[in-house]
Structure formats: structure tokens, C-alpha cells
Amino acid sequence: MKFLVGSLFLCAVLHLSQSFCYKKQLEMTPDGKPPTYCVDTDDGTKHAFGSKWRNSHCMDCTCGGCCAAYSTPRQFPPDCMMEFDKENCKYNVFKKNDRTKSCPVFGSVGK
């Protein structure tokens, strides 16, 4: 019975812990070797094979895929709002009537 309750709990909260990621298929060169560089599919920039970078869509990437570099607030007071800061790759949560007052975040998804 404890196992059943625990399993149901995990199923209920599992979706809250996942971040947005995607994988890319690595294409080998015609002679079967890994490429010397890869191209970011979001912004078209070239990167050395084996390197890590943050692209223009706030994704932390490698040649094998990318994951969101930020978490998305899901629970905060109703008198607050969120706004994405693309320059710093994060959400800011603040009072609707006063942008200078930040708000607490009780739950978020990602990173």
C-alpha cells in the first residue's frame, strides 16, 4: 500500500520537475569521424565539437542538444506578474502595480 501511495505521489509531481530539453542527432563525416564543429539549429552559429554554449534563445547547448537555461515561475501571489528578461535568461516576478517590488515564487518548472 505504501508503494502505491508513493507511486501515485511521484506521478502527480513528476511533471513539475522536468525542464525543456531536446536532443540532436550527430551527423558523422563521410569517413565516419565526428564533425569538427556543429551548427546551433536555433540561431545558425557554429561551435567547436565538444564545446558548450548559451544560444540567443536562452538555451544551454552542446552538439548533442540543448536545455532551457531558466526556470519558469508557476506559483506566485495573484497581485504579481512575471516577465522574461531575455538578456539575463530569467523570469522576473514583481507586483503588477509596482515593478520595483519583487514577489516571492512558490513553485517553478525547469532548470
N, C-alpha and C. Protein backbone atom coordinates (compact mmCIF):
# COMPACT_ATOMS: atom_id res chain seq x y z
N MET A 1 0.82 -1.19 0.00
CA MET A 1 0.00 0.00 0.00
C MET A 1 0.87 1.26 0.00
N LYS A 2 1.98 1.26 0.79
CA LYS A 2 2.87 2.42 0.81
C LYS A 2 3.47 2.66 -0.57
N PHE A 3 3.80 1.56 -1.26
CA PHE A 3 4.35 1.68 -2.61
C PHE A 3 3.36 2.35 -3.55
N LEU A 4 2.09 1.97 -3.46
CA LEU A 4 1.05 2.55 -4.32
C LEU A 4 0.90 4.04 -4.06
N VAL A 5 0.85 4.43 -2.80
CA VAL A 5 0.71 5.84 -2.45
C VAL A 5 1.92 6.63 -2.94
N GLY A 6 3.11 6.07 -2.72
CA GLY A 6 4.33 6.74 -3.19
C GLY A 6 4.38 6.88 -4.69
N SER A 7 3.95 5.84 -5.39
CA SER A 7 3.94 5.88 -6.85
C SER A 7 2.97 6.92 -7.37
N LEU A 8 1.80 7.00 -6.77
CA LEU A 8 0.81 8.00 -7.19
C LEU A 8 1.32 9.41 -6.93
N PHE A 9 2.00 9.60 -5.80
CA PHE A 9 2.57 10.91 -5.50
C PHE A 9 3.61 11.30 -6.53
N LEU A 10 4.51 10.38 -6.87
CA LEU A 10 5.54 10.69 -7.87
C LEU A 10 4.94 11.00 -9.23
N CYS A 11 3.90 10.27 -9.61
CA CYS A 11 3.24 10.54 -10.88
C CYS A 11 2.60 11.93 -10.88
N ALA A 12 2.09 12.34 -9.73
CA ALA A 12 1.41 13.63 -9.63
C ALA A 12 2.39 14.80 -9.72
N VAL A 13 3.62 14.64 -9.22
CA VAL A 13 4.56 15.76 -9.19
C VAL A 13 5.69 15.65 -10.21
N LEU A 14 5.79 14.55 -10.93
CA LEU A 14 6.89 14.37 -11.87
C LEU A 14 6.94 15.47 -12.92
N HIS A 15 5.80 15.88 -13.44
CA HIS A 15 5.79 16.90 -14.48
C HIS A 15 6.30 18.25 -13.97
N LEU A 16 6.31 18.48 -12.68
CA LEU A 16 6.77 19.75 -12.14
C LEU A 16 8.29 19.87 -12.14
N SER A 17 8.99 18.76 -12.27
CA SER A 17 10.44 18.79 -12.18
C SER A 17 11.14 18.76 -13.53
N GLN A 18 10.43 18.62 -14.60
CA GLN A 18 11.07 18.48 -15.90
C GLN A 18 11.41 19.85 -16.49
N SER A 19 12.54 19.94 -17.13
CA SER A 19 12.90 21.16 -17.84
C SER A 19 12.79 20.89 -19.33
N PHE A 20 12.79 21.95 -20.09
CA PHE A 20 12.64 21.84 -21.53
C PHE A 20 14.00 21.53 -22.15
N CYS A 21 14.12 20.36 -22.74
CA CYS A 21 15.35 19.95 -23.41
C CYS A 21 15.02 19.26 -24.72
N TYR A 22 15.97 19.28 -25.61
CA TYR A 22 15.84 18.46 -26.82
C TYR A 22 17.21 17.96 -27.22
N LYS A 23 17.23 16.83 -27.88
CA LYS A 23 18.47 16.21 -28.33
C LYS A 23 18.56 16.35 -29.85
N LYS A 24 19.79 16.36 -30.35
CA LYS A 24 20.02 16.44 -31.79
C LYS A 24 20.83 15.22 -32.22
N GLN A 25 20.54 14.72 -33.38
CA GLN A 25 21.29 13.60 -33.95
C GLN A 25 22.61 14.13 -34.48
N LEU A 26 23.70 13.55 -34.01
CA LEU A 26 25.01 13.95 -34.51
C LEU A 26 25.26 13.28 -35.85
N GLU A 27 25.65 14.06 -36.81
CA GLU A 27 25.95 13.52 -38.14
C GLU A 27 27.46 13.35 -38.28
N MET A 28 27.87 12.16 -38.58
CA MET A 28 29.30 11.87 -38.75
C MET A 28 29.74 12.32 -40.13
N THR A 29 31.03 12.55 -40.27
CA THR A 29 31.59 12.90 -41.57
C THR A 29 31.55 11.66 -42.46
N PRO A 30 31.71 11.80 -43.78
CA PRO A 30 31.66 10.64 -44.68
C PRO A 30 32.66 9.53 -44.32
N ASP A 31 33.78 9.90 -43.67
CA ASP A 31 34.75 8.86 -43.30
C ASP A 31 34.46 8.27 -41.90
N GLY A 32 33.29 8.60 -41.32
CA GLY A 32 32.86 8.01 -40.05
C GLY A 32 33.38 8.68 -38.80
N LYS A 33 34.03 9.81 -38.95
CA LYS A 33 34.57 10.53 -37.79
C LYS A 33 33.57 11.61 -37.34
N PRO A 34 33.64 12.01 -36.07
CA PRO A 34 32.76 13.09 -35.62
C PRO A 34 33.14 14.40 -36.32
N PRO A 35 32.19 15.29 -36.47
CA PRO A 35 32.48 16.57 -37.13
C PRO A 35 33.40 17.43 -36.26
N THR A 36 34.08 18.39 -36.87
CA THR A 36 34.95 19.30 -36.12
C THR A 36 34.14 20.44 -35.50
N TYR A 37 32.94 20.68 -36.02
CA TYR A 37 32.06 21.72 -35.47
C TYR A 37 30.60 21.29 -35.68
N CYS A 38 29.72 21.96 -34.96
CA CYS A 38 28.29 21.73 -35.15
C CYS A 38 27.61 23.10 -35.28
N VAL A 39 26.40 23.09 -35.79
CA VAL A 39 25.66 24.32 -36.02
C VAL A 39 24.45 24.35 -35.09
N ASP A 40 24.29 25.46 -34.36
CA ASP A 40 23.12 25.64 -33.50
C ASP A 40 21.89 25.81 -34.39
N THR A 41 20.91 24.95 -34.22
CA THR A 41 19.72 24.98 -35.09
C THR A 41 18.82 26.16 -34.78
N ASP A 42 18.97 26.80 -33.62
CA ASP A 42 18.12 27.96 -33.29
C ASP A 42 18.63 29.25 -33.93
N ASP A 43 19.95 29.48 -33.87
CA ASP A 43 20.44 30.75 -34.40
C ASP A 43 21.50 30.61 -35.50
N GLY A 44 21.84 29.38 -35.89
CA GLY A 44 22.74 29.16 -37.02
C GLY A 44 24.22 29.36 -36.73
N THR A 45 24.60 29.57 -35.48
CA THR A 45 26.01 29.79 -35.16
C THR A 45 26.77 28.47 -35.15
N LYS A 46 28.06 28.54 -35.49
CA LYS A 46 28.92 27.35 -35.50
C LYS A 46 29.70 27.28 -34.19
N HIS A 47 29.88 26.04 -33.68
CA HIS A 47 30.59 25.83 -32.43
C HIS A 47 31.48 24.60 -32.55
N ALA A 48 32.63 24.65 -31.88
CA ALA A 48 33.58 23.54 -31.91
C ALA A 48 32.94 22.29 -31.31
N PHE A 49 33.20 21.15 -31.92
CA PHE A 49 32.68 19.89 -31.42
C PHE A 49 33.20 19.68 -29.99
N GLY A 50 32.31 19.33 -29.07
CA GLY A 50 32.67 19.13 -27.67
C GLY A 50 32.52 20.37 -26.80
N SER A 51 32.18 21.51 -27.41
CA SER A 51 32.05 22.74 -26.62
C SER A 51 30.63 22.89 -26.07
N LYS A 52 30.47 23.84 -25.16
CA LYS A 52 29.17 24.20 -24.58
C LYS A 52 28.96 25.69 -24.81
N TRP A 53 27.70 26.08 -25.04
CA TRP A 53 27.41 27.49 -25.26
C TRP A 53 25.96 27.78 -24.87
N ARG A 54 25.66 29.06 -24.70
CA ARG A 54 24.28 29.52 -24.49
C ARG A 54 23.88 30.28 -25.75
N ASN A 55 22.78 29.85 -26.37
CA ASN A 55 22.38 30.48 -27.63
C ASN A 55 21.46 31.69 -27.41
N SER A 56 21.04 32.30 -28.49
CA SER A 56 20.23 33.51 -28.43
C SER A 56 18.80 33.27 -27.93
N HIS A 57 18.41 32.00 -27.78
CA HIS A 57 17.08 31.67 -27.26
C HIS A 57 17.16 31.19 -25.81
N CYS A 58 18.24 31.54 -25.12
CA CYS A 58 18.44 31.19 -23.70
C CYS A 58 18.43 29.68 -23.48
N MET A 59 19.09 28.96 -24.37
CA MET A 59 19.24 27.52 -24.24
C MET A 59 20.72 27.21 -24.02
N ASP A 60 21.03 26.36 -23.03
CA ASP A 60 22.38 25.88 -22.82
C ASP A 60 22.57 24.65 -23.71
N CYS A 61 23.56 24.70 -24.59
CA CYS A 61 23.68 23.70 -25.65
C CYS A 61 25.04 23.02 -25.70
N THR A 62 25.02 21.84 -26.31
CA THR A 62 26.20 21.12 -26.77
C THR A 62 25.85 20.66 -28.18
N CYS A 63 26.76 20.00 -28.84
CA CYS A 63 26.44 19.49 -30.18
C CYS A 63 25.35 18.43 -30.13
N GLY A 64 25.14 17.82 -28.96
CA GLY A 64 24.14 16.76 -28.82
C GLY A 64 22.75 17.23 -28.45
N GLY A 65 22.57 18.52 -28.13
CA GLY A 65 21.24 19.01 -27.78
C GLY A 65 21.30 20.24 -26.90
N CYS A 66 20.12 20.72 -26.52
CA CYS A 66 20.01 21.94 -25.72
C CYS A 66 18.96 21.78 -24.63
N CYS A 67 19.14 22.53 -23.54
CA CYS A 67 18.17 22.59 -22.45
C CYS A 67 17.95 24.05 -22.08
N ALA A 68 16.75 24.37 -21.64
CA ALA A 68 16.44 25.73 -21.22
C ALA A 68 17.38 26.14 -20.09
N ALA A 69 17.87 27.36 -20.14
CA ALA A 69 18.80 27.88 -19.15
C ALA A 69 18.07 28.62 -18.04
N TYR A 70 16.77 28.44 -17.92
CA TYR A 70 15.98 29.20 -16.96
C TYR A 70 14.84 28.33 -16.43
N SER A 71 14.27 28.75 -15.33
CA SER A 71 13.07 28.10 -14.81
C SER A 71 11.90 29.06 -15.01
N THR A 72 10.71 28.48 -15.16
CA THR A 72 9.51 29.28 -15.39
C THR A 72 8.66 29.28 -14.13
N PRO A 73 8.42 30.45 -13.53
CA PRO A 73 7.58 30.52 -12.33
C PRO A 73 6.17 30.04 -12.63
N ARG A 74 5.61 29.22 -11.72
CA ARG A 74 4.25 28.72 -11.88
C ARG A 74 3.34 29.12 -10.74
N GLN A 75 3.92 29.38 -9.57
CA GLN A 75 3.11 29.75 -8.41
C GLN A 75 3.70 31.00 -7.76
N PHE A 76 2.90 32.06 -7.77
CA PHE A 76 3.27 33.31 -7.11
C PHE A 76 1.98 34.04 -6.77
N PRO A 77 2.03 35.05 -5.90
CA PRO A 77 0.80 35.73 -5.47
C PRO A 77 0.01 36.31 -6.66
N PRO A 78 -1.32 36.35 -6.53
CA PRO A 78 -2.16 36.83 -7.64
C PRO A 78 -1.99 38.31 -7.98
N ASP A 79 -1.43 39.10 -7.06
CA ASP A 79 -1.21 40.52 -7.35
C ASP A 79 0.14 40.76 -8.01
N CYS A 80 0.76 39.68 -8.47
CA CYS A 80 2.08 39.76 -9.11
C CYS A 80 2.00 39.27 -10.56
N MET A 81 3.02 39.61 -11.31
CA MET A 81 3.11 39.16 -12.70
C MET A 81 4.56 38.79 -13.00
N MET A 82 4.75 38.04 -14.09
CA MET A 82 6.11 37.66 -14.48
C MET A 82 6.41 38.21 -15.86
N GLU A 83 7.70 38.44 -16.09
CA GLU A 83 8.16 38.96 -17.38
C GLU A 83 9.53 38.34 -17.65
N PHE A 84 9.73 37.88 -18.88
CA PHE A 84 11.00 37.24 -19.22
C PHE A 84 12.04 38.29 -19.59
N ASP A 85 13.21 38.19 -18.97
CA ASP A 85 14.35 39.04 -19.24
C ASP A 85 15.29 38.27 -20.16
N LYS A 86 15.19 38.51 -21.47
CA LYS A 86 15.96 37.74 -22.45
C LYS A 86 17.46 38.00 -22.34
N GLU A 87 17.84 39.17 -21.91
CA GLU A 87 19.25 39.49 -21.79
C GLU A 87 19.92 38.66 -20.68
N ASN A 88 19.21 38.41 -19.59
CA ASN A 88 19.76 37.64 -18.47
C ASN A 88 19.19 36.23 -18.39
N CYS A 89 18.35 35.84 -19.34
CA CYS A 89 17.77 34.50 -19.42
C CYS A 89 17.09 34.09 -18.12
N LYS A 90 16.19 34.93 -17.64
CA LYS A 90 15.44 34.59 -16.43
C LYS A 90 14.12 35.35 -16.39
N TYR A 91 13.19 34.81 -15.61
CA TYR A 91 11.92 35.48 -15.38
C TYR A 91 12.05 36.37 -14.16
N ASN A 92 11.51 37.56 -14.23
CA ASN A 92 11.39 38.44 -13.08
C ASN A 92 9.93 38.43 -12.66
N VAL A 93 9.66 38.32 -11.37
CA VAL A 93 8.30 38.33 -10.84
C VAL A 93 8.19 39.55 -9.94
N PHE A 94 7.20 40.40 -10.22
CA PHE A 94 7.06 41.66 -9.49
C PHE A 94 5.59 42.03 -9.35
N LYS A 95 5.33 43.01 -8.47
CA LYS A 95 3.96 43.49 -8.24
C LYS A 95 3.41 44.11 -9.52
N LYS A 96 2.15 43.83 -9.80
CA LYS A 96 1.51 44.37 -11.00
C LYS A 96 1.46 45.89 -10.98
N ASN A 97 1.28 46.46 -9.81
CA ASN A 97 1.15 47.92 -9.73
C ASN A 97 2.47 48.63 -9.38
N ASP A 98 3.56 47.85 -9.16
CA ASP A 98 4.84 48.45 -8.85
C ASP A 98 5.97 47.50 -9.26
N ARG A 99 6.54 47.73 -10.42
CA ARG A 99 7.57 46.85 -10.98
C ARG A 99 8.85 46.83 -10.15
N THR A 100 9.02 47.77 -9.22
CA THR A 100 10.23 47.80 -8.40
C THR A 100 10.14 46.85 -7.21
N LYS A 101 8.96 46.31 -6.92
CA LYS A 101 8.79 45.40 -5.79
C LYS A 101 8.70 43.96 -6.30
N SER A 102 9.70 43.16 -5.94
CA SER A 102 9.69 41.77 -6.39
C SER A 102 8.73 40.95 -5.54
N CYS A 103 8.32 39.81 -6.09
CA CYS A 103 7.37 38.92 -5.43
C CYS A 103 8.02 37.56 -5.18
N PRO A 104 7.55 36.86 -4.16
CA PRO A 104 8.07 35.51 -3.92
C PRO A 104 7.51 34.52 -4.95
N VAL A 105 8.32 33.54 -5.29
CA VAL A 105 7.89 32.47 -6.20
C VAL A 105 7.83 31.21 -5.37
N PHE A 106 6.65 30.56 -5.34
CA PHE A 106 6.46 29.37 -4.52
C PHE A 106 6.69 28.08 -5.29
N GLY A 107 6.67 28.14 -6.60
CA GLY A 107 6.89 26.96 -7.43
C GLY A 107 7.29 27.37 -8.83
N SER A 108 8.18 26.59 -9.44
CA SER A 108 8.60 26.87 -10.80
C SER A 108 8.92 25.55 -11.50
N VAL A 109 9.01 25.62 -12.82
CA VAL A 109 9.29 24.44 -13.64
C VAL A 109 10.56 24.71 -14.44
N GLY A 110 11.44 23.73 -14.48
CA GLY A 110 12.65 23.85 -15.29
C GLY A 110 13.90 23.94 -14.47
N LYS A 111 14.96 24.11 -15.18
CA LYS A 111 16.35 24.19 -14.69
C LYS A 111 16.49 23.74 -13.32
